[in-house]
Amino acid sequence: QIRQVLAVPQGQPLLRVDTEGAAQRVAA
């Protein structure tokens, strides 16, 4: 469930991951 809400695709460059936005999605 956490991975689905995180919504960070495999293969995406790490630098392009919006960590703040991802954390907000999980915190919801």
mmCIF file of all heavy atoms, coordinates in Angstrom:
data_MODEL
# 
_entry.id   MODEL 
# 
loop_
_atom_site.group_PDB 
_atom_site.id 
_atom_site.type_symbol 
_atom_site.label_atom_id 
_atom_site.label_alt_id 
_atom_site.label_comp_id 
_atom_site.label_asym_id 
_atom_site.label_entity_id 
_atom_site.label_seq_id 
_atom_site.pdbx_PDB_ins_code 
_atom_site.Cartn_x 
_atom_site.Cartn_y 
_atom_site.Cartn_z 
_atom_site.occupancy 
_atom_site.B_iso_or_equiv 
_atom_site.pdbx_formal_charge 
_atom_site.auth_seq_id 
_atom_site.auth_comp_id 
_atom_site.auth_asym_id 
_atom_site.auth_atom_id 
_atom_site.pdbx_PDB_model_num 
ATOM 1   N N   . GLN A 1 1  ? 0.833  -1.202 0.000   1.00 0.00 ? 1  GLN A N   1 
ATOM 2   C CA  . GLN A 1 1  ? 0.000  0.000  0.000   1.00 0.00 ? 1  GLN A CA  1 
ATOM 3   C C   . GLN A 1 1  ? 0.867  1.251  0.000   1.00 0.00 ? 1  GLN A C   1 
ATOM 4   O O   . GLN A 1 1  ? 0.581  2.220  -0.718  1.00 0.00 ? 1  GLN A O   1 
ATOM 5   C CB  . GLN A 1 1  ? -0.921 0.014  1.222   1.00 0.00 ? 1  GLN A CB  1 
ATOM 6   C CG  . GLN A 1 1  ? -1.814 1.264  1.295   1.00 0.00 ? 1  GLN A CG  1 
ATOM 7   C CD  . GLN A 1 1  ? -2.635 1.336  2.573   1.00 0.00 ? 1  GLN A CD  1 
ATOM 8   O OE1 . GLN A 1 1  ? -2.474 0.513  3.475   1.00 0.00 ? 1  GLN A OE1 1 
ATOM 9   N NE2 . GLN A 1 1  ? -3.497 2.323  2.665   1.00 0.00 ? 1  GLN A NE2 1 
ATOM 10  N N   . ILE A 1 2  ? 1.924  1.233  0.789   1.00 0.00 ? 2  ILE A N   1 
ATOM 11  C CA  . ILE A 1 2  ? 2.819  2.396  0.849   1.00 0.00 ? 2  ILE A CA  1 
ATOM 12  C C   . ILE A 1 2  ? 3.489  2.618  -0.500  1.00 0.00 ? 2  ILE A C   1 
ATOM 13  O O   . ILE A 1 2  ? 3.586  3.755  -0.982  1.00 0.00 ? 2  ILE A O   1 
ATOM 14  C CB  . ILE A 1 2  ? 3.853  2.206  1.972   1.00 0.00 ? 2  ILE A CB  1 
ATOM 15  C CG1 . ILE A 1 2  ? 3.158  2.267  3.333   1.00 0.00 ? 2  ILE A CG1 1 
ATOM 16  C CG2 . ILE A 1 2  ? 4.958  3.263  1.878   1.00 0.00 ? 2  ILE A CG2 1 
ATOM 17  C CD1 . ILE A 1 2  ? 4.062  1.956  4.505   1.00 0.00 ? 2  ILE A CD1 1 
ATOM 18  N N   . ARG A 1 3  ? 3.929  1.559  -1.135  1.00 0.00 ? 3  ARG A N   1 
ATOM 19  C CA  . ARG A 1 3  ? 4.584  1.705  -2.439  1.00 0.00 ? 3  ARG A CA  1 
ATOM 20  C C   . ARG A 1 3  ? 3.615  2.239  -3.486  1.00 0.00 ? 3  ARG A C   1 
ATOM 21  O O   . ARG A 1 3  ? 3.994  3.038  -4.343  1.00 0.00 ? 3  ARG A O   1 
ATOM 22  C CB  . ARG A 1 3  ? 5.172  0.367  -2.878  1.00 0.00 ? 3  ARG A CB  1 
ATOM 23  C CG  . ARG A 1 3  ? 6.379  -0.082 -2.053  1.00 0.00 ? 3  ARG A CG  1 
ATOM 24  C CD  . ARG A 1 3  ? 7.078  -1.279 -2.704  1.00 0.00 ? 3  ARG A CD  1 
ATOM 25  N NE  . ARG A 1 3  ? 8.280  -1.644 -1.958  1.00 0.00 ? 3  ARG A NE  1 
ATOM 26  C CZ  . ARG A 1 3  ? 8.318  -2.589 -1.018  1.00 0.00 ? 3  ARG A CZ  1 
ATOM 27  N NH1 . ARG A 1 3  ? 7.213  -3.272 -0.732  1.00 0.00 ? 3  ARG A NH1 1 
ATOM 28  N NH2 . ARG A 1 3  ? 9.436  -2.857 -0.391  1.00 0.00 ? 3  ARG A NH2 1 
ATOM 29  N N   . GLN A 1 4  ? 2.368  1.788  -3.428  1.00 0.00 ? 4  GLN A N   1 
ATOM 30  C CA  . GLN A 1 4  ? 1.385  2.283  -4.401  1.00 0.00 ? 4  GLN A CA  1 
ATOM 31  C C   . GLN A 1 4  ? 1.132  3.769  -4.206  1.00 0.00 ? 4  GLN A C   1 
ATOM 32  O O   . GLN A 1 4  ? 1.061  4.530  -5.187  1.00 0.00 ? 4  GLN A O   1 
ATOM 33  C CB  . GLN A 1 4  ? 0.089  1.489  -4.253  1.00 0.00 ? 4  GLN A CB  1 
ATOM 34  C CG  . GLN A 1 4  ? 0.167  0.065  -4.768  1.00 0.00 ? 4  GLN A CG  1 
ATOM 35  C CD  . GLN A 1 4  ? -1.136 -0.683 -4.584  1.00 0.00 ? 4  GLN A CD  1 
ATOM 36  O OE1 . GLN A 1 4  ? -2.080 -0.191 -3.980  1.00 0.00 ? 4  GLN A OE1 1 
ATOM 37  N NE2 . GLN A 1 4  ? -1.208 -1.906 -5.106  1.00 0.00 ? 4  GLN A NE2 1 
ATOM 38  N N   . VAL A 1 5  ? 0.984  4.198  -2.963  1.00 0.00 ? 5  VAL A N   1 
ATOM 39  C CA  . VAL A 1 5  ? 0.730  5.616  -2.694  1.00 0.00 ? 5  VAL A CA  1 
ATOM 40  C C   . VAL A 1 5  ? 1.968  6.454  -2.982  1.00 0.00 ? 5  VAL A C   1 
ATOM 41  O O   . VAL A 1 5  ? 1.876  7.597  -3.441  1.00 0.00 ? 5  VAL A O   1 
ATOM 42  C CB  . VAL A 1 5  ? 0.268  5.798  -1.226  1.00 0.00 ? 5  VAL A CB  1 
ATOM 43  C CG1 . VAL A 1 5  ? 0.153  7.275  -0.878  1.00 0.00 ? 5  VAL A CG1 1 
ATOM 44  C CG2 . VAL A 1 5  ? -1.066 5.099  -0.994  1.00 0.00 ? 5  VAL A CG2 1 
ATOM 45  N N   . LEU A 1 6  ? 3.129  5.878  -2.739  1.00 0.00 ? 6  LEU A N   1 
ATOM 46  C CA  . LEU A 1 6  ? 4.389  6.580  -3.009  1.00 0.00 ? 6  LEU A CA  1 
ATOM 47  C C   . LEU A 1 6  ? 4.475  7.006  -4.466  1.00 0.00 ? 6  LEU A C   1 
ATOM 48  O O   . LEU A 1 6  ? 4.898  8.120  -4.780  1.00 0.00 ? 6  LEU A O   1 
ATOM 49  C CB  . LEU A 1 6  ? 5.557  5.660  -2.650  1.00 0.00 ? 6  LEU A CB  1 
ATOM 50  C CG  . LEU A 1 6  ? 6.971  6.227  -2.764  1.00 0.00 ? 6  LEU A CG  1 
ATOM 51  C CD1 . LEU A 1 6  ? 7.208  7.268  -1.682  1.00 0.00 ? 6  LEU A CD1 1 
ATOM 52  C CD2 . LEU A 1 6  ? 7.990  5.111  -2.660  1.00 0.00 ? 6  LEU A CD2 1 
ATOM 53  N N   . ALA A 1 7  ? 4.085  6.109  -5.358  1.00 0.00 ? 7  ALA A N   1 
ATOM 54  C CA  . ALA A 1 7  ? 3.987  6.401  -6.801  1.00 0.00 ? 7  ALA A CA  1 
ATOM 55  C C   . ALA A 1 7  ? 5.304  6.890  -7.397  1.00 0.00 ? 7  ALA A C   1 
ATOM 56  O O   . ALA A 1 7  ? 5.341  7.857  -8.166  1.00 0.00 ? 7  ALA A O   1 
ATOM 57  C CB  . ALA A 1 7  ? 2.881  7.423  -7.060  1.00 0.00 ? 7  ALA A CB  1 
ATOM 58  N N   . VAL A 1 8  ? 6.387  6.208  -7.041  1.00 0.00 ? 8  VAL A N   1 
ATOM 59  C CA  . VAL A 1 8  ? 7.686  6.494  -7.654  1.00 0.00 ? 8  VAL A CA  1 
ATOM 60  C C   . VAL A 1 8  ? 8.012  5.326  -8.582  1.00 0.00 ? 8  VAL A C   1 
ATOM 61  O O   . VAL A 1 8  ? 8.234  4.209  -8.129  1.00 0.00 ? 8  VAL A O   1 
ATOM 62  C CB  . VAL A 1 8  ? 8.789  6.648  -6.591  1.00 0.00 ? 8  VAL A CB  1 
ATOM 63  C CG1 . VAL A 1 8  ? 10.153 6.796  -7.270  1.00 0.00 ? 8  VAL A CG1 1 
ATOM 64  C CG2 . VAL A 1 8  ? 8.502  7.855  -5.708  1.00 0.00 ? 8  VAL A CG2 1 
ATOM 65  N N   . PRO A 1 9  ? 8.032  5.552  -9.899  1.00 0.00 ? 9  PRO A N   1 
ATOM 66  C CA  . PRO A 1 9  ? 8.223  4.441  -10.848 1.00 0.00 ? 9  PRO A CA  1 
ATOM 67  C C   . PRO A 1 9  ? 9.662  3.913  -10.842 1.00 0.00 ? 9  PRO A C   1 
ATOM 68  O O   . PRO A 1 9  ? 10.621 4.659  -10.623 1.00 0.00 ? 9  PRO A O   1 
ATOM 69  C CB  . PRO A 1 9  ? 7.869  5.076  -12.193 1.00 0.00 ? 9  PRO A CB  1 
ATOM 70  C CG  . PRO A 1 9  ? 8.134  6.537  -12.013 1.00 0.00 ? 9  PRO A CG  1 
ATOM 71  C CD  . PRO A 1 9  ? 7.810  6.835  -10.574 1.00 0.00 ? 9  PRO A CD  1 
ATOM 72  N N   . GLN A 1 10 ? 9.777  2.625  -11.064 1.00 0.00 ? 10 GLN A N   1 
ATOM 73  C CA  . GLN A 1 10 ? 11.091 2.025  -11.253 1.00 0.00 ? 10 GLN A CA  1 
ATOM 74  C C   . GLN A 1 10 ? 11.755 2.630  -12.489 1.00 0.00 ? 10 GLN A C   1 
ATOM 75  O O   . GLN A 1 10 ? 11.111 2.864  -13.506 1.00 0.00 ? 10 GLN A O   1 
ATOM 76  C CB  . GLN A 1 10 ? 10.959 0.508  -11.427 1.00 0.00 ? 10 GLN A CB  1 
ATOM 77  C CG  . GLN A 1 10 ? 10.427 -0.219 -10.189 1.00 0.00 ? 10 GLN A CG  1 
ATOM 78  C CD  . GLN A 1 10 ? 11.462 -0.293 -9.087  1.00 0.00 ? 10 GLN A CD  1 
ATOM 79  O OE1 . GLN A 1 10 ? 12.576 -0.759 -9.299  1.00 0.00 ? 10 GLN A OE1 1 
ATOM 80  N NE2 . GLN A 1 10 ? 11.101 0.174  -7.902  1.00 0.00 ? 10 GLN A NE2 1 
ATOM 81  N N   . GLY A 1 11 ? 13.030 2.885  -12.368 1.00 0.00 ? 11 GLY A N   1 
ATOM 82  C CA  . GLY A 1 11 ? 13.777 3.428  -13.498 1.00 0.00 ? 11 GLY A CA  1 
ATOM 83  C C   . GLY A 1 11 ? 13.843 4.938  -13.541 1.00 0.00 ? 11 GLY A C   1 
ATOM 84  O O   . GLY A 1 11 ? 14.588 5.502  -14.356 1.00 0.00 ? 11 GLY A O   1 
ATOM 85  N N   . GLN A 1 12 ? 13.077 5.615  -12.693 1.00 0.00 ? 12 GLN A N   1 
ATOM 86  C CA  . GLN A 1 12 ? 13.146 7.074  -12.675 1.00 0.00 ? 12 GLN A CA  1 
ATOM 87  C C   . GLN A 1 12 ? 14.467 7.516  -12.042 1.00 0.00 ? 12 GLN A C   1 
ATOM 88  O O   . GLN A 1 12 ? 14.863 7.011  -10.986 1.00 0.00 ? 12 GLN A O   1 
ATOM 89  C CB  . GLN A 1 12 ? 11.989 7.660  -11.880 1.00 0.00 ? 12 GLN A CB  1 
ATOM 90  C CG  . GLN A 1 12 ? 11.987 9.195  -11.860 1.00 0.00 ? 12 GLN A CG  1 
ATOM 91  C CD  . GLN A 1 12 ? 10.784 9.761  -11.115 1.00 0.00 ? 12 GLN A CD  1 
ATOM 92  O OE1 . GLN A 1 12 ? 10.134 9.061  -10.357 1.00 0.00 ? 12 GLN A OE1 1 
ATOM 93  N NE2 . GLN A 1 12 ? 10.479 11.017 -11.351 1.00 0.00 ? 12 GLN A NE2 1 
ATOM 94  N N   . PRO A 1 13 ? 15.195 8.451  -12.662 1.00 0.00 ? 13 PRO A N   1 
ATOM 95  C CA  . PRO A 1 13 ? 16.431 8.937  -12.048 1.00 0.00 ? 13 PRO A CA  1 
ATOM 96  C C   . PRO A 1 13 ? 16.180 9.473  -10.639 1.00 0.00 ? 13 PRO A C   1 
ATOM 97  O O   . PRO A 1 13 ? 15.193 10.182 -10.406 1.00 0.00 ? 13 PRO A O   1 
ATOM 98  C CB  . PRO A 1 13 ? 16.888 10.046 -13.002 1.00 0.00 ? 13 PRO A CB  1 
ATOM 99  C CG  . PRO A 1 13 ? 16.307 9.649  -14.316 1.00 0.00 ? 13 PRO A CG  1 
ATOM 100 C CD  . PRO A 1 13 ? 14.980 9.030  -13.998 1.00 0.00 ? 13 PRO A CD  1 
ATOM 101 N N   . LEU A 1 14 ? 17.054 9.109  -9.696  1.00 0.00 ? 14 LEU A N   1 
ATOM 102 C CA  . LEU A 1 14 ? 16.854 9.498  -8.304  1.00 0.00 ? 14 LEU A CA  1 
ATOM 103 C C   . LEU A 1 14 ? 16.730 11.005 -8.137  1.00 0.00 ? 14 LEU A C   1 
ATOM 104 O O   . LEU A 1 14 ? 15.925 11.487 -7.333  1.00 0.00 ? 14 LEU A O   1 
ATOM 105 C CB  . LEU A 1 14 ? 18.011 8.968  -7.447  1.00 0.00 ? 14 LEU A CB  1 
ATOM 106 C CG  . LEU A 1 14 ? 17.968 7.496  -7.055  1.00 0.00 ? 14 LEU A CG  1 
ATOM 107 C CD1 . LEU A 1 14 ? 19.251 7.109  -6.344  1.00 0.00 ? 14 LEU A CD1 1 
ATOM 108 C CD2 . LEU A 1 14 ? 16.773 7.196  -6.177  1.00 0.00 ? 14 LEU A CD2 1 
ATOM 109 N N   . LEU A 1 15 ? 17.538 11.757 -8.884  1.00 0.00 ? 15 LEU A N   1 
ATOM 110 C CA  . LEU A 1 15 ? 17.509 13.209 -8.739  1.00 0.00 ? 15 LEU A CA  1 
ATOM 111 C C   . LEU A 1 15 ? 16.164 13.801 -9.146  1.00 0.00 ? 15 LEU A C   1 
ATOM 112 O O   . LEU A 1 15 ? 15.816 14.906 -8.723  1.00 0.00 ? 15 LEU A O   1 
ATOM 113 C CB  . LEU A 1 15 ? 18.623 13.848 -9.570  1.00 0.00 ? 15 LEU A CB  1 
ATOM 114 C CG  . LEU A 1 15 ? 20.033 13.800 -8.974  1.00 0.00 ? 15 LEU A CG  1 
ATOM 115 C CD1 . LEU A 1 15 ? 21.025 14.446 -9.921  1.00 0.00 ? 15 LEU A CD1 1 
ATOM 116 C CD2 . LEU A 1 15 ? 20.068 14.499 -7.622  1.00 0.00 ? 15 LEU A CD2 1 
ATOM 117 N N   . ARG A 1 16 ? 15.397 13.087 -9.956  1.00 0.00 ? 16 ARG A N   1 
ATOM 118 C CA  . ARG A 1 16 ? 14.113 13.608 -10.429 1.00 0.00 ? 16 ARG A CA  1 
ATOM 119 C C   . ARG A 1 16 ? 12.942 13.172 -9.547  1.00 0.00 ? 16 ARG A C   1 
ATOM 120 O O   . ARG A 1 16 ? 11.795 13.521 -9.825  1.00 0.00 ? 16 ARG A O   1 
ATOM 121 C CB  . ARG A 1 16 ? 13.889 13.172 -11.871 1.00 0.00 ? 16 ARG A CB  1 
ATOM 122 C CG  . ARG A 1 16 ? 14.948 13.750 -12.813 1.00 0.00 ? 16 ARG A CG  1 
ATOM 123 C CD  . ARG A 1 16 ? 14.874 13.159 -14.193 1.00 0.00 ? 16 ARG A CD  1 
ATOM 124 N NE  . ARG A 1 16 ? 13.636 13.516 -14.888 1.00 0.00 ? 16 ARG A NE  1 
ATOM 125 C CZ  . ARG A 1 16 ? 13.355 13.145 -16.139 1.00 0.00 ? 16 ARG A CZ  1 
ATOM 126 N NH1 . ARG A 1 16 ? 14.230 12.402 -16.812 1.00 0.00 ? 16 ARG A NH1 1 
ATOM 127 N NH2 . ARG A 1 16 ? 12.223 13.493 -16.696 1.00 0.00 ? 16 ARG A NH2 1 
ATOM 128 N N   . VAL A 1 17 ? 13.230 12.437 -8.477  1.00 0.00 ? 17 VAL A N   1 
ATOM 129 C CA  . VAL A 1 17 ? 12.175 12.024 -7.559  1.00 0.00 ? 17 VAL A CA  1 
ATOM 130 C C   . VAL A 1 17 ? 11.839 13.182 -6.624  1.00 0.00 ? 17 VAL A C   1 
ATOM 131 O O   . VAL A 1 17 ? 12.715 13.719 -5.942  1.00 0.00 ? 17 VAL A O   1 
ATOM 132 C CB  . VAL A 1 17 ? 12.606 10.789 -6.726  1.00 0.00 ? 17 VAL A CB  1 
ATOM 133 C CG1 . VAL A 1 17 ? 11.544 10.462 -5.677  1.00 0.00 ? 17 VAL A CG1 1 
ATOM 134 C CG2 . VAL A 1 17 ? 12.843 9.598  -7.643  1.00 0.00 ? 17 VAL A CG2 1 
ATOM 135 N N   . ASP A 1 18 ? 10.597 13.564 -6.590  1.00 0.00 ? 18 ASP A N   1 
ATOM 136 C CA  . ASP A 1 18 ? 10.118 14.611 -5.678  1.00 0.00 ? 18 ASP A CA  1 
ATOM 137 C C   . ASP A 1 18 ? 9.882  13.969 -4.307  1.00 0.00 ? 18 ASP A C   1 
ATOM 138 O O   . ASP A 1 18 ? 8.789  13.476 -4.016  1.00 0.00 ? 18 ASP A O   1 
ATOM 139 C CB  . ASP A 1 18 ? 8.832  15.231 -6.222  1.00 0.00 ? 18 ASP A CB  1 
ATOM 140 C CG  . ASP A 1 18 ? 8.252  16.302 -5.298  1.00 0.00 ? 18 ASP A CG  1 
ATOM 141 O OD1 . ASP A 1 18 ? 8.901  16.646 -4.288  1.00 0.00 ? 18 ASP A OD1 1 
ATOM 142 O OD2 . ASP A 1 18 ? 7.121  16.773 -5.564  1.00 0.00 ? 18 ASP A OD2 1 
ATOM 143 N N   . THR A 1 19 ? 10.909 13.967 -3.471  1.00 0.00 ? 19 THR A N   1 
ATOM 144 C CA  . THR A 1 19 ? 10.815 13.276 -2.181  1.00 0.00 ? 19 THR A CA  1 
ATOM 145 C C   . THR A 1 19 ? 9.793  13.934 -1.253  1.00 0.00 ? 19 THR A C   1 
ATOM 146 O O   . THR A 1 19 ? 9.098  13.248 -0.505  1.00 0.00 ? 19 THR A O   1 
ATOM 147 C CB  . THR A 1 19 ? 12.183 13.229 -1.490  1.00 0.00 ? 19 THR A CB  1 
ATOM 148 O OG1 . THR A 1 19 ? 12.713 14.562 -1.376  1.00 0.00 ? 19 THR A OG1 1 
ATOM 149 C CG2 . THR A 1 19 ? 13.161 12.369 -2.272  1.00 0.00 ? 19 THR A CG2 1 
ATOM 150 N N   . GLU A 1 20 ? 9.686  15.258 -1.308  1.00 0.00 ? 20 GLU A N   1 
ATOM 151 C CA  . GLU A 1 20 ? 8.726  15.949 -0.447  1.00 0.00 ? 20 GLU A CA  1 
ATOM 152 C C   . GLU A 1 20 ? 7.291  15.597 -0.839  1.00 0.00 ? 20 GLU A C   1 
ATOM 153 O O   . GLU A 1 20 ? 6.447  15.300 0.018   1.00 0.00 ? 20 GLU A O   1 
ATOM 154 C CB  . GLU A 1 20 ? 8.935  17.454 -0.523  1.00 0.00 ? 20 GLU A CB  1 
ATOM 155 C CG  . GLU A 1 20 ? 8.011  18.246 0.401   1.00 0.00 ? 20 GLU A CG  1 
ATOM 156 C CD  . GLU A 1 20 ? 8.285  19.742 0.366   1.00 0.00 ? 20 GLU A CD  1 
ATOM 157 O OE1 . GLU A 1 20 ? 9.325  20.135 -0.200  1.00 0.00 ? 20 GLU A OE1 1 
ATOM 158 O OE2 . GLU A 1 20 ? 7.463  20.507 0.911   1.00 0.00 ? 20 GLU A OE2 1 
ATOM 159 N N   . GLY A 1 21 ? 7.019  15.618 -2.134  1.00 0.00 ? 21 GLY A N   1 
ATOM 160 C CA  . GLY A 1 21 ? 5.682  15.268 -2.598  1.00 0.00 ? 21 GLY A CA  1 
ATOM 161 C C   . GLY A 1 21 ? 5.346  13.817 -2.293  1.00 0.00 ? 21 GLY A C   1 
ATOM 162 O O   . GLY A 1 21 ? 4.214  13.492 -1.908  1.00 0.00 ? 21 GLY A O   1 
ATOM 163 N N   . ALA A 1 22 ? 6.330  12.930 -2.471  1.00 0.00 ? 22 ALA A N   1 
ATOM 164 C CA  . ALA A 1 22 ? 6.109  11.515 -2.175  1.00 0.00 ? 22 ALA A CA  1 
ATOM 165 C C   . ALA A 1 22 ? 5.814  11.308 -0.693  1.00 0.00 ? 22 ALA A C   1 
ATOM 166 O O   . ALA A 1 22 ? 4.933  10.523 -0.323  1.00 0.00 ? 22 ALA A O   1 
ATOM 167 C CB  . ALA A 1 22 ? 7.327  10.697 -2.597  1.00 0.00 ? 22 ALA A CB  1 
ATOM 168 N N   . ALA A 1 23 ? 6.539  12.023 0.166   1.00 0.00 ? 23 ALA A N   1 
ATOM 169 C CA  . ALA A 1 23 ? 6.304  11.906 1.608   1.00 0.00 ? 23 ALA A CA  1 
ATOM 170 C C   . ALA A 1 23 ? 4.909  12.402 1.975   1.00 0.00 ? 23 ALA A C   1 
ATOM 171 O O   . ALA A 1 23 ? 4.233  11.808 2.828   1.00 0.00 ? 23 ALA A O   1 
ATOM 172 C CB  . ALA A 1 23 ? 7.365  12.686 2.375   1.00 0.00 ? 23 ALA A CB  1 
ATOM 173 N N   . GLN A 1 24 ? 4.454  13.464 1.324   1.00 0.00 ? 24 GLN A N   1 
ATOM 174 C CA  . GLN A 1 24 ? 3.107  13.982 1.598   1.00 0.00 ? 24 GLN A CA  1 
ATOM 175 C C   . GLN A 1 24 ? 2.040  12.975 1.190   1.00 0.00 ? 24 GLN A C   1 
ATOM 176 O O   . GLN A 1 24 ? 1.021  12.827 1.881   1.00 0.00 ? 24 GLN A O   1 
ATOM 177 C CB  . GLN A 1 24 ? 2.911  15.308 0.868   1.00 0.00 ? 24 GLN A CB  1 
ATOM 178 C CG  . GLN A 1 24 ? 3.726  16.458 1.452   1.00 0.00 ? 24 GLN A CG  1 
ATOM 179 C CD  . GLN A 1 24 ? 3.590  17.737 0.633   1.00 0.00 ? 24 GLN A CD  1 
ATOM 180 O OE1 . GLN A 1 24 ? 2.993  17.741 -0.443  1.00 0.00 ? 24 GLN A OE1 1 
ATOM 181 N NE2 . GLN A 1 24 ? 4.148  18.823 1.146   1.00 0.00 ? 24 GLN A NE2 1 
ATOM 182 N N   . ARG A 1 25 ? 2.271  12.267 0.102   1.00 0.00 ? 25 ARG A N   1 
ATOM 183 C CA  . ARG A 1 25 ? 1.293  11.266 -0.336  1.00 0.00 ? 25 ARG A CA  1 
ATOM 184 C C   . ARG A 1 25 ? 1.207  10.119 0.671   1.00 0.00 ? 25 ARG A C   1 
ATOM 185 O O   . ARG A 1 25 ? 0.112  9.642  0.994   1.00 0.00 ? 25 ARG A O   1 
ATOM 186 C CB  . ARG A 1 25 ? 1.664  10.734 -1.729  1.00 0.00 ? 25 ARG A CB  1 
ATOM 187 C CG  . ARG A 1 25 ? 1.494  11.754 -2.846  1.00 0.00 ? 25 ARG A CG  1 
ATOM 188 C CD  . ARG A 1 25 ? 1.577  11.111 -4.215  1.00 0.00 ? 25 ARG A CD  1 
ATOM 189 N NE  . ARG A 1 25 ? 2.888  10.558 -4.515  1.00 0.00 ? 25 ARG A NE  1 
ATOM 190 C CZ  . ARG A 1 25 ? 3.887  11.235 -5.048  1.00 0.00 ? 25 ARG A CZ  1 
ATOM 191 N NH1 . ARG A 1 25 ? 3.746  12.527 -5.317  1.00 0.00 ? 25 ARG A NH1 1 
ATOM 192 N NH2 . ARG A 1 25 ? 5.046  10.645 -5.308  1.00 0.00 ? 25 ARG A NH2 1 
ATOM 193 N N   . VAL A 1 26 ? 2.353  9.684  1.159   1.00 0.00 ? 26 VAL A N   1 
ATOM 194 C CA  . VAL A 1 26 ? 2.355  8.590  2.132   1.00 0.00 ? 26 VAL A CA  1 
ATOM 195 C C   . VAL A 1 26 ? 1.738  9.048  3.455   1.00 0.00 ? 26 VAL A C   1 
ATOM 196 O O   . VAL A 1 26 ? 0.981  8.319  4.095   1.00 0.00 ? 26 VAL A O   1 
ATOM 197 C CB  . VAL A 1 26 ? 3.795  8.067  2.359   1.00 0.00 ? 26 VAL A CB  1 
ATOM 198 C CG1 . VAL A 1 26 ? 3.823  7.025  3.473   1.00 0.00 ? 26 VAL A CG1 1 
ATOM 199 C CG2 . VAL A 1 26 ? 4.346  7.467  1.075   1.00 0.00 ? 26 VAL A CG2 1 
ATOM 200 N N   . ALA A 1 27 ? 2.041  10.288 3.861   1.00 0.00 ? 27 ALA A N   1 
ATOM 201 C CA  . ALA A 1 27 ? 1.495  10.817 5.115   1.00 0.00 ? 27 ALA A CA  1 
ATOM 202 C C   . ALA A 1 27 ? -0.015 10.973 5.069   1.00 0.00 ? 27 ALA A C   1 
ATOM 203 O O   . ALA A 1 27 ? -0.661 11.084 6.116   1.00 0.00 ? 27 ALA A O   1 
ATOM 204 C CB  . ALA A 1 27 ? 2.151  12.155 5.450   1.00 0.00 ? 27 ALA A CB  1 
ATOM 205 N N   . ALA A 1 28 ? -0.596 10.976 3.863   1.00 0.00 ? 28 ALA A N   1 
ATOM 206 C CA  . ALA A 1 28 ? -2.048 11.092 3.732   1.00 0.00 ? 28 ALA A CA  1 
ATOM 207 C C   . ALA A 1 28 ? -2.766 9.784  4.072   1.00 0.00 ? 28 ALA A C   1 
ATOM 208 O O   . ALA A 1 28 ? -3.993 9.777  4.226   1.00 0.00 ? 28 ALA A O   1 
ATOM 209 C CB  . ALA A 1 28 ? -2.416 11.533 2.320   1.00 0.00 ? 28 ALA A CB  1 
# 
